[in-house]
Protein backbone atom coordinates (compact mmCIF):
# COMPACT_ATOMS: atom_id res chain seq x y z
CA LEU A 1 0.00 0.00 0.00
CA PRO A 2 1.13 3.61 -0.54
CA SER A 3 3.04 5.22 2.31
CA ALA A 4 0.88 7.40 4.55
CA ALA A 5 3.56 10.09 4.40
CA THR A 6 3.22 10.50 0.63
CA SER A 7 -0.43 9.61 0.00
CA LEU A 8 -3.89 11.03 0.30
CA ARG A 9 -6.45 8.94 2.14
CA VAL A 10 -10.06 9.64 1.18
CA THR A 11 -13.09 8.25 3.00
CA LEU A 12 -16.47 8.66 1.34
CA LEU A 13 -18.52 9.22 4.47
CA GLY A 14 -21.76 10.06 2.69
CA THR A 15 -22.42 9.46 -1.00
CA GLY A 16 -26.09 10.34 -1.33
CA GLY A 17 -28.09 13.37 -2.35
CA PRO A 18 -31.10 14.80 -0.55
CA GLU A 19 -33.17 11.71 -1.37
CA LEU A 20 -33.73 9.32 1.53
CA SER A 21 -32.44 5.78 1.25
CA PRO A 22 -32.55 2.76 3.59
CA GLN A 23 -29.33 3.61 5.45
CA ARG A 24 -27.10 2.88 2.46
CA ARG A 25 -26.29 6.42 1.39
CA GLN A 26 -26.12 9.22 3.91
CA GLY A 27 -25.72 12.89 2.97
CA ALA A 28 -22.75 14.40 1.16
CA ALA A 29 -19.51 14.24 3.17
CA THR A 30 -15.95 13.34 2.22
CA LEU A 31 -13.02 13.02 4.62
CA VAL A 32 -9.48 13.66 3.35
CA GLU A 33 -6.42 12.81 5.44
CA ALA A 34 -2.95 13.95 4.39
CA GLY A 35 0.04 13.92 6.70
CA ASP A 36 -1.27 15.32 9.99
CA GLN A 37 -4.12 17.19 8.32
CA VAL A 38 -7.74 16.00 8.67
CA LEU A 39 -10.11 17.81 6.30
CA LEU A 40 -13.84 17.36 5.88
CA PHE A 41 -15.64 18.39 2.71
CA ASP A 42 -19.36 19.00 3.24
CA ALA A 43 -21.38 17.85 6.25
CA GLY A 44 -24.61 16.30 5.09
CA ARG A 45 -27.13 14.09 6.83
CA GLY A 46 -25.53 11.49 9.12
CA VAL A 47 -21.97 12.81 8.94
CA LEU A 48 -21.27 12.38 12.65
CA GLN A 49 -22.49 8.77 12.62
CA ARG A 50 -20.43 8.01 9.51
CA LEU A 51 -17.31 9.51 11.10
CA TYR A 52 -17.87 7.21 14.06
CA ASP A 53 -18.51 4.23 11.76
CA SER A 54 -15.25 4.95 9.93
CA GLY A 55 -13.22 4.85 13.14
CA THR A 56 -12.23 8.50 12.84
CA ALA A 57 -11.62 10.38 16.08
CA ILE A 58 -14.50 12.81 15.71
CA ASN A 59 -12.99 15.36 18.09
CA LYS A 60 -10.13 15.79 15.60
CA VAL A 61 -12.37 17.09 12.80
CA GLU A 62 -11.83 20.83 13.06
CA THR A 63 -11.35 21.93 9.43
CA ILE A 64 -14.42 21.86 7.21
CA PHE A 65 -14.97 22.96 3.61
CA LEU A 66 -18.43 23.58 2.16
CA THR A 67 -19.10 23.34 -1.57
CA HIS A 68 -22.32 25.35 -1.22
CA LEU A 69 -25.02 26.01 1.35
CA HIS A 70 -27.84 23.71 0.25
CA SER A 71 -29.30 21.84 3.22
CA ASP A 72 -28.13 18.38 2.16
CA HIS A 73 -24.50 19.61 2.41
CA ILE A 74 -24.72 21.39 5.79
CA VAL A 75 -27.50 19.78 7.82
CA GLY A 76 -25.02 17.60 9.75
CA LEU A 77 -22.86 20.56 10.73
CA PRO A 78 -24.65 21.57 13.97
CA GLU A 79 -24.26 18.08 15.42
CA LEU A 80 -20.66 17.88 14.26
CA TRP A 81 -19.91 21.20 15.96
CA ILE A 82 -21.62 20.59 19.31
CA THR A 83 -21.47 16.86 20.09
CA PRO A 84 -17.70 16.21 19.89
CA TRP A 85 -17.27 19.24 22.15
CA PHE A 86 -19.50 18.11 25.02
CA LEU A 87 -18.89 14.34 24.68
CA PHE A 88 -15.20 14.21 23.78
CA ALA A 89 -13.80 17.59 24.91
CA ARG A 90 -12.84 18.69 21.42
CA LYS A 91 -10.42 21.59 21.46
CA GLY A 92 -11.45 24.50 19.26
CA PRO A 93 -11.59 26.42 17.18
CA VAL A 94 -13.50 24.84 14.30
CA ASN A 95 -12.61 26.48 10.99
CA VAL A 96 -15.26 26.46 8.28
CA TYR A 97 -14.36 27.46 4.73
CA GLY A 98 -17.34 28.22 2.55
CA PRO A 99 -18.96 30.58 0.07
CA GLN A 100 -20.53 33.90 0.92
CA GLY A 101 -23.25 33.30 3.49
CA THR A 102 -21.22 30.88 5.59
CA GLN A 103 -20.71 33.41 8.42
CA GLN A 104 -24.44 34.10 8.65
CA MET A 105 -25.27 30.40 8.53
CA LEU A 106 -22.88 29.65 11.41
CA GLU A 107 -24.30 32.48 13.47
CA GLY A 108 -27.72 30.94 12.97
CA MET A 109 -26.35 27.53 13.95
CA GLN A 110 -25.06 28.96 17.22
CA GLN A 111 -28.44 30.51 17.95
CA PHE A 112 -30.19 27.25 17.08
CA LEU A 113 -28.05 25.41 19.63
CA GLY A 114 -28.32 28.17 22.21
CA SER A 115 -29.43 25.86 24.99
CA ASP A 116 -26.30 23.71 24.58
CA VAL A 117 -24.05 26.75 24.22
CA HIS A 118 -25.28 28.25 27.50
CA GLN A 119 -26.02 25.17 29.60
CA ARG A 120 -23.44 22.51 28.69
CA PRO A 121 -20.10 24.23 29.42
CA SER A 122 -18.14 22.57 32.21
CA PRO A 123 -14.51 22.09 33.31
CA PHE A 124 -14.43 19.10 30.90
CA ASN A 125 -15.77 21.09 27.93
CA PRO A 126 -15.13 24.82 28.43
CA ALA A 127 -17.22 27.32 26.51
CA ALA A 128 -14.07 28.77 24.92
CA GLU A 129 -13.55 25.53 22.97
CA LEU A 130 -16.78 26.15 21.07
CA ALA A 131 -15.11 28.91 19.06
CA TRP A 132 -15.55 28.77 15.30
CA HIS A 133 -14.19 30.88 12.47
CA ALA A 134 -15.78 31.37 9.07
CA HIS A 135 -13.48 31.80 6.07
CA GLU A 136 -15.54 32.96 3.12
CA PHE A 137 -14.33 32.91 -0.48
CA SER A 138 -15.93 33.98 -3.73
CA ALA A 139 -13.54 33.08 -6.54
CA ALA A 140 -10.94 30.59 -7.74
CA GLN A 141 -8.20 30.93 -5.15
CA LEU A 142 -5.89 29.12 -2.76
CA ILE A 143 -7.96 28.97 0.42
CA TYR A 144 -5.92 26.58 2.59
CA ASN A 145 -2.20 25.88 2.94
CA ALA A 146 -0.97 23.93 5.98
CA GLY A 147 1.20 20.92 6.67
CA GLY A 148 2.06 20.54 3.01
CA VAL A 149 -1.62 20.38 2.01
CA THR A 150 -3.24 22.96 -0.26
CA VAL A 151 -6.90 23.41 -1.11
CA THR A 152 -7.99 25.56 -4.05
CA SER A 153 -11.58 26.62 -4.65
CA VAL A 154 -13.04 26.37 -8.17
CA PRO A 155 -16.32 28.13 -9.05
CA VAL A 156 -18.83 25.77 -10.66
CA ASP A 157 -22.43 26.14 -11.82
CA HIS A 158 -25.17 24.63 -9.65
CA LYS A 159 -28.37 26.32 -10.74
CA GLU A 160 -30.47 27.45 -7.74
CA GLY A 161 -27.51 26.62 -5.46
CA ASN A 162 -24.92 29.20 -6.49
CA PRO A 163 -22.44 30.33 -5.35
CA ALA A 164 -21.10 26.78 -5.60
CA PHE A 165 -17.56 25.46 -5.70
CA GLY A 166 -15.48 22.42 -6.37
CA PHE A 167 -12.11 21.88 -4.72
CA VAL A 168 -8.64 20.74 -5.72
CA VAL A 169 -6.63 19.15 -2.91
CA GLU A 170 -2.88 18.63 -3.38
CA TYR A 171 -0.33 16.90 -1.17
CA ALA A 172 3.05 15.27 -1.80
CA GLY A 173 2.57 15.43 -5.55
CA ARG A 174 -0.94 13.92 -5.38
CA LYS A 175 -3.98 15.70 -6.73
CA LEU A 176 -7.61 15.13 -5.78
CA VAL A 177 -10.58 16.91 -7.36
CA LEU A 178 -14.02 17.16 -5.74
CA SER A 179 -16.73 18.54 -8.01
CA GLY A 180 -19.35 19.36 -5.42
CA ASP A 181 -22.76 19.80 -7.05
CA CYS A 182 -22.55 21.07 -10.61
CA THR A 183 -23.11 20.38 -14.27
CA LEU A 184 -20.24 20.12 -16.75
CA SER A 185 -17.62 22.64 -15.57
CA PRO A 186 -14.80 23.81 -17.87
CA ALA A 187 -13.20 25.57 -14.88
CA LEU A 188 -13.09 22.33 -12.93
CA ILE A 189 -11.59 20.51 -15.91
CA ALA A 190 -8.86 23.13 -16.24
CA ALA A 191 -8.04 23.16 -12.53
CA GLY A 192 -8.15 19.37 -12.31
CA SER A 193 -5.80 18.60 -15.17
CA HIS A 194 -3.92 15.35 -14.59
CA ALA A 195 -5.65 14.64 -11.32
CA ASP A 196 -4.99 11.36 -9.62
CA VAL A 197 -8.65 11.03 -8.63
CA VAL A 198 -11.74 13.02 -9.61
CA ILE A 199 -14.78 12.59 -7.36
CA HIS A 200 -17.82 13.79 -9.30
CA ASN A 201 -21.51 14.11 -8.60
CA VAL A 202 -23.91 12.19 -10.85
CA PHE A 203 -27.63 12.43 -11.59
CA ALA A 204 -28.67 9.41 -13.62
CA PRO A 205 -32.42 8.87 -14.09
CA SER A 206 -33.48 7.19 -17.31
CA ALA A 207 -34.33 9.20 -20.39
CA ALA A 208 -37.92 8.01 -20.04
CA LEU A 209 -38.22 9.42 -16.53
CA LEU A 210 -36.75 12.76 -17.61
CA GLN A 211 -39.17 12.92 -20.51
CA HIS A 212 -42.21 12.43 -18.30
CA ASP A 213 -41.21 14.32 -15.17
CA PRO A 214 -40.63 18.07 -15.57
CA ASN A 215 -39.35 18.38 -12.00
CA LYS A 216 -36.59 15.87 -12.68
CA ARG A 217 -35.71 17.75 -15.87
CA LYS A 218 -35.13 20.86 -13.75
CA VAL A 219 -32.85 18.88 -11.43
CA ALA A 220 -30.90 17.70 -14.48
CA GLU A 221 -30.09 21.34 -15.24
CA LYS A 222 -28.00 21.64 -12.07
CA LEU A 223 -26.32 18.24 -11.68
CA ALA A 224 -24.06 16.19 -13.93
CA SER A 225 -25.21 13.31 -16.08
CA PRO A 226 -22.93 10.27 -16.48
CA GLU A 227 -22.04 11.61 -19.94
CA GLN A 228 -20.99 14.99 -18.54
CA ALA A 229 -18.97 13.40 -15.74
CA ALA A 230 -17.30 11.13 -18.29
CA GLU A 231 -16.17 14.22 -20.18
CA VAL A 232 -14.61 15.58 -16.99
CA PHE A 233 -12.80 12.29 -16.36
CA LEU A 234 -11.55 12.25 -19.94
CA ARG A 235 -10.48 15.87 -20.22
CA THR A 236 -8.68 15.92 -16.87
CA SER A 237 -6.88 12.69 -17.80
CA THR A 238 -7.63 11.45 -14.31
CA ARG A 239 -6.11 8.18 -13.18
CA HIS A 240 -9.38 7.15 -11.51
CA GLY A 241 -12.95 8.41 -11.74
CA VAL A 242 -15.23 8.14 -8.71
CA TYR A 243 -18.91 8.96 -8.33
CA SER A 244 -20.36 10.44 -5.16
CA HIS A 245 -23.57 12.40 -4.48
CA VAL A 246 -25.07 9.50 -6.44
CA ILE A 247 -28.71 9.99 -7.48
CA LEU A 248 -30.03 7.01 -9.42
CA LEU A 249 -33.85 7.14 -9.13
CA ASP A 250 -35.02 4.50 -11.64
CA SER A 251 -31.50 3.57 -12.78
CA THR A 252 -28.87 1.25 -11.32
CA GLU A 253 -25.17 1.57 -10.65
CA ALA A 254 -24.58 -0.71 -13.63
CA ASP A 255 -26.52 1.76 -15.81
CA VAL A 256 -24.27 4.60 -14.62
CA ILE A 257 -21.14 2.63 -15.45
CA ALA A 258 -22.48 1.62 -18.86
CA ARG A 259 -23.36 5.21 -19.76
CA THR A 260 -19.95 6.45 -18.60
CA ARG A 261 -18.21 3.83 -20.74
CA ALA A 262 -20.40 4.59 -23.74
CA ALA A 263 -19.41 8.26 -23.39
CA GLY A 264 -15.78 7.29 -23.86
CA PHE A 265 -14.18 7.01 -20.43
CA GLN A 266 -12.47 3.63 -20.19
CA GLY A 267 -10.21 4.26 -17.18
CA PRO A 268 -10.66 2.90 -13.66
CA LEU A 269 -14.14 3.85 -12.45
CA THR A 270 -15.86 3.45 -9.08
CA VAL A 271 -19.42 4.21 -8.02
CA GLY A 272 -18.80 5.34 -4.47
CA GLU A 273 -20.63 4.06 -1.46
CA ASP A 274 -20.60 5.13 2.17
CA LEU A 275 -17.40 4.34 4.10
CA MET A 276 -15.43 3.39 1.00
CA THR A 277 -11.77 4.43 1.27
CA ILE A 278 -9.46 5.50 -1.54
CA LEU A 279 -5.73 5.54 -0.87
CA ILE A 280 -3.96 7.70 -3.45
CA GLY A 281 -0.25 7.16 -3.97
CA ASP A 282 1.84 5.72 -6.80
CA THR A 283 -0.99 3.22 -6.97
CA ILE A 284 -4.63 3.80 -6.06
CA HIS A 285 -6.35 1.35 -3.72
CA VAL A 286 -10.12 1.35 -3.24
CA THR A 287 -11.51 -0.53 -0.24
CA THR A 288 -15.20 -1.17 0.37
CA HIS A 289 -16.48 -1.18 3.93
CA ARG A 290 -18.68 -4.20 4.56
């Protein structure tokens, strides 16, 4: 296996969209570990439980990046902020990197949890450790640089969810791209050139369903089809394509793979599932959690 000192370790904590499923796919959340850095991208439904399921020390998750502020990407954030503090004495501050509106959202979160904020402090979990800092960004820029890890924001188009961003994570010569929610993004393709792994959203109902359901056609205007994602995989020359934020509806994972192949991408391809790990080094190892 690749050395931990020169590899990126990715855990797909939650690979679903806003649709409910029977425990198989929780909300959008991806954990990236590089050197001594622990970074969380999005905090959807069930993120705290999935962190626990993965064996991650949840009181160590203090750096969070948000692709956009739709509910299915942030609804797990209040629990992630408050519970590790009062149960496991997490030491603050928590740093949240997100688009414009993140500061206001976090202020609302603190008000929402006002009872905990005022009643739970103790010598074990001091109130001072609840500190959080919002770091807002609005363009393509380097937003994080620590411990040899860099994170660059990439504006993408997510109709009715903008401002929305993808991210490029780099460490020890490895390059990971996370699309967030978007359609085909030339900016993401340019920023993700020669990525080791591209993790892309996918919306894959059948053509028949799209034809008969105008609401689903509107959703298709803001998320990527397998054909669009295949173009991203191809044009970035990625070593491995991965799907997350997987919305199938009347399709299957096999349908998604078949459509991606038919669109021309023949490289290694994985339809992500919750708690799957991807170790990115000279080789790429994908492990399914069963």
